[in-house]
Amino acid sequence: MLLQIKGNVNFVITLDSSAWIFDNRKIHIEDLVHDEEHIEFEDSEEWNRQIIEGDTLPPTLKSEKRYKNKKEELLNGTFIMALDPFLEYAEPKSVKYEITHKNGTTTLAYKDRYEHYAQFSNNGKRLYDDGMIDLLVIKDGEIIERYEYVTAFTFV
C-alpha cells in the first residue's frame, strides 16, 4: 500500500516508504534525536580547557562505532525521512494539512514541515508490513509528538 499527498495541491505525490532504505536522504534517528548527555565538572579548570582546546571526540565517532559496515547498518538501523521535500513537491495551495493515523485525524501547519519526519524502519525492519509510517515531530533534537500508522496526507 502506498501513501499519497493529495487534496488542495498542484501535484498528487505518491510515497513508497519501502524504497527509502536505498535513498541517500534517509537519516539515522539517533543522528537527529539526541539523548542528552550531561557533563558535570568538579572544577572549572576542565571546563575551561575544553572551551579553549575544543572537544577531542569528533561528532561522528558514535555512529562510526555503532556499525561496522554498510550492510550491518541497513540490517540494524532505525531510519527516518524528512517530509518537507515531498510536501513541497506537491506544491500545496493551503497552509495546513491533515494526516490520517491510527488515532484519527490531526491537522498540522505546513510552515512547520521542517520538523516533520517519517519513521519507516525500526532496528532494520519495516515499521509496518503494508508500508505505512509513523510521523514524528522533532524539535531541538527531541521527539515532541508521534503519530502512529499514518495512512494519508491531505491538504485542506
Protein backbone atom coordinates (compact mmCIF):
# COMPACT_ATOMS: atom_id res chain seq x y z
CA MET A 1 0.00 0.00 0.00
CA LEU A 2 1.30 3.46 -0.88
CA LEU A 3 0.79 6.81 0.83
CA GLN A 4 -0.37 9.86 -1.09
CA ILE A 5 -0.05 13.59 -0.53
CA LYS A 6 -3.27 14.89 -2.01
CA GLY A 7 -6.04 17.44 -1.58
CA ASN A 8 -5.54 21.12 -2.31
CA VAL A 9 -2.25 20.64 -4.23
CA ASN A 10 -0.97 21.15 -7.76
CA PHE A 11 0.54 17.64 -7.88
CA VAL A 12 -0.53 14.47 -6.09
CA ILE A 13 2.61 12.79 -4.74
CA THR A 14 2.80 9.07 -4.02
CA LEU A 15 5.20 7.97 -1.28
CA ASP A 16 6.72 4.49 -1.29
CA SER A 17 8.44 4.05 2.05
CA SER A 18 9.84 0.64 1.04
CA ALA A 19 12.22 2.39 -1.38
CA TRP A 20 13.52 4.85 1.21
CA ILE A 21 16.03 2.37 2.62
CA PHE A 22 18.02 2.92 -0.61
CA ASP A 23 17.58 6.72 -0.56
CA ASN A 24 20.65 8.72 0.45
CA ARG A 25 18.42 11.28 2.18
CA LYS A 26 17.43 8.84 4.95
CA ILE A 27 18.62 9.76 8.42
CA HIS A 28 19.54 7.58 11.39
CA ILE A 29 17.08 8.54 14.09
CA GLU A 30 19.99 8.58 16.55
CA ASP A 31 21.68 11.30 14.48
CA LEU A 32 18.70 13.63 14.84
CA VAL A 33 17.25 12.70 18.22
CA HIS A 34 19.76 13.27 20.97
CA ASP A 35 19.94 11.52 24.27
CA GLU A 36 21.10 14.35 26.46
CA GLU A 37 24.49 13.63 27.93
CA HIS A 38 25.03 15.90 30.88
CA ILE A 39 28.65 16.53 31.71
CA GLU A 40 29.40 17.80 35.15
CA PHE A 41 32.78 19.06 36.24
CA GLU A 42 34.03 19.25 39.80
CA ASP A 43 36.04 22.36 38.96
CA SER A 44 36.05 24.90 36.18
CA GLU A 45 39.60 24.06 35.02
CA GLU A 46 38.48 21.08 32.88
CA TRP A 47 35.54 23.09 31.51
CA ASN A 48 37.86 25.95 30.53
CA ARG A 49 40.32 23.52 28.89
CA GLN A 50 37.56 22.09 26.68
CA ILE A 51 36.39 25.55 25.70
CA ILE A 52 39.92 26.68 24.78
CA GLU A 53 41.20 23.47 23.18
CA GLY A 54 37.91 22.13 21.84
CA ASP A 55 36.26 18.78 22.32
CA THR A 56 38.53 15.88 21.38
CA LEU A 57 35.87 13.48 20.10
CA PRO A 58 34.60 14.01 16.56
CA PRO A 59 30.80 14.12 16.34
CA THR A 60 30.74 11.08 14.04
CA LEU A 61 32.70 8.81 16.40
CA LYS A 62 29.50 7.46 17.96
CA SER A 63 27.99 6.50 14.58
CA GLU A 64 31.29 5.07 13.33
CA LYS A 65 31.46 2.65 16.25
CA ARG A 66 27.78 1.75 16.04
CA TYR A 67 28.02 -0.09 12.68
CA LYS A 68 30.97 -1.96 11.22
CA ASN A 69 29.83 -1.80 7.60
CA LYS A 70 27.04 -0.55 5.35
CA LYS A 71 25.22 -3.90 5.25
CA GLU A 72 25.12 -4.12 9.06
CA GLU A 73 23.91 -0.52 9.18
CA LEU A 74 20.96 -1.28 6.89
CA LEU A 75 20.11 -4.52 8.70
CA ASN A 76 20.13 -2.98 12.18
CA GLY A 77 19.44 0.75 11.78
CA THR A 78 16.37 2.78 12.63
CA PHE A 79 15.74 5.33 9.90
CA ILE A 80 13.59 8.38 9.32
CA MET A 81 13.00 10.55 6.26
CA ALA A 82 12.41 14.30 6.22
CA LEU A 83 8.95 15.00 4.81
CA ASP A 84 9.48 18.63 3.78
CA PRO A 85 10.76 17.94 0.23
CA PHE A 86 7.80 15.68 -0.55
CA LEU A 87 5.30 18.18 0.85
CA GLU A 88 6.96 20.95 -1.20
CA TYR A 89 6.95 18.85 -4.42
CA ALA A 90 3.16 18.66 -4.16
CA GLU A 91 3.01 22.47 -4.41
CA PRO A 92 0.24 22.93 -1.84
CA LYS A 93 -2.31 25.70 -2.19
CA SER A 94 -3.08 25.55 1.53
CA VAL A 95 -1.25 26.43 4.75
CA LYS A 96 -2.30 23.29 6.63
CA TYR A 97 -2.67 19.60 6.03
CA GLU A 98 -4.34 16.70 7.75
CA ILE A 99 -2.78 13.36 8.50
CA THR A 100 -4.92 10.30 8.98
CA HIS A 101 -3.43 7.94 11.53
CA LYS A 102 -4.26 5.17 13.97
CA ASN A 103 -5.97 7.51 16.45
CA GLY A 104 -7.91 9.65 13.97
CA THR A 105 -7.07 12.82 12.05
CA THR A 106 -4.69 15.61 13.06
CA THR A 107 -4.19 18.98 11.37
CA LEU A 108 -0.60 20.21 11.02
CA ALA A 109 0.75 23.55 9.85
CA TYR A 110 2.63 23.48 6.54
CA LYS A 111 5.06 26.09 7.89
CA ASP A 112 6.25 23.51 10.47
CA ARG A 113 7.09 20.91 7.78
CA TYR A 114 10.83 21.08 8.55
CA GLU A 115 10.08 19.39 11.90
CA HIS A 116 8.06 16.54 10.34
CA TYR A 117 9.76 13.20 9.72
CA ALA A 118 8.54 9.81 8.58
CA GLN A 119 9.86 6.85 10.54
CA PHE A 120 9.78 3.89 8.17
CA SER A 121 12.07 1.37 9.85
CA ASN A 122 12.98 0.15 13.30
CA ASN A 123 16.07 -1.97 14.02
CA GLY A 124 16.45 -2.91 10.35
CA LYS A 125 12.82 -3.96 9.85
CA ARG A 126 9.94 -2.17 8.13
CA LEU A 127 7.78 -0.39 10.66
CA TYR A 128 4.57 -1.86 9.18
CA ASP A 129 4.19 -4.72 6.70
CA ASP A 130 1.94 -2.63 4.44
CA GLY A 131 4.47 0.23 4.14
CA MET A 132 2.73 2.77 6.39
CA ILE A 133 4.83 5.12 8.52
CA ASP A 134 4.86 6.95 11.82
CA LEU A 135 5.06 10.73 11.62
CA LEU A 136 7.45 12.25 14.14
CA VAL A 137 7.56 15.90 15.09
CA ILE A 138 11.18 16.52 16.08
CA LYS A 139 12.32 19.84 17.52
CA ASP A 140 15.69 20.65 19.07
CA GLY A 141 16.78 17.01 18.98
CA GLU A 142 13.69 15.77 20.81
CA ILE A 143 10.59 13.90 19.62
CA ILE A 144 7.73 16.25 20.50
CA GLU A 145 4.92 14.16 19.02
CA ARG A 146 4.49 10.75 17.38
CA TYR A 147 1.53 9.88 15.16
CA GLU A 148 1.41 6.12 14.63
CA TYR A 149 0.36 4.33 11.46
CA VAL A 150 -0.15 7.29 9.14
CA THR A 151 -2.26 6.37 6.08
CA ALA A 152 -2.87 9.73 4.32
CA PHE A 153 -1.71 13.33 3.91
CA THR A 154 -4.44 15.72 2.72
CA PHE A 155 -4.03 19.45 2.22
CA VAL A 156 -7.22 21.23 3.26
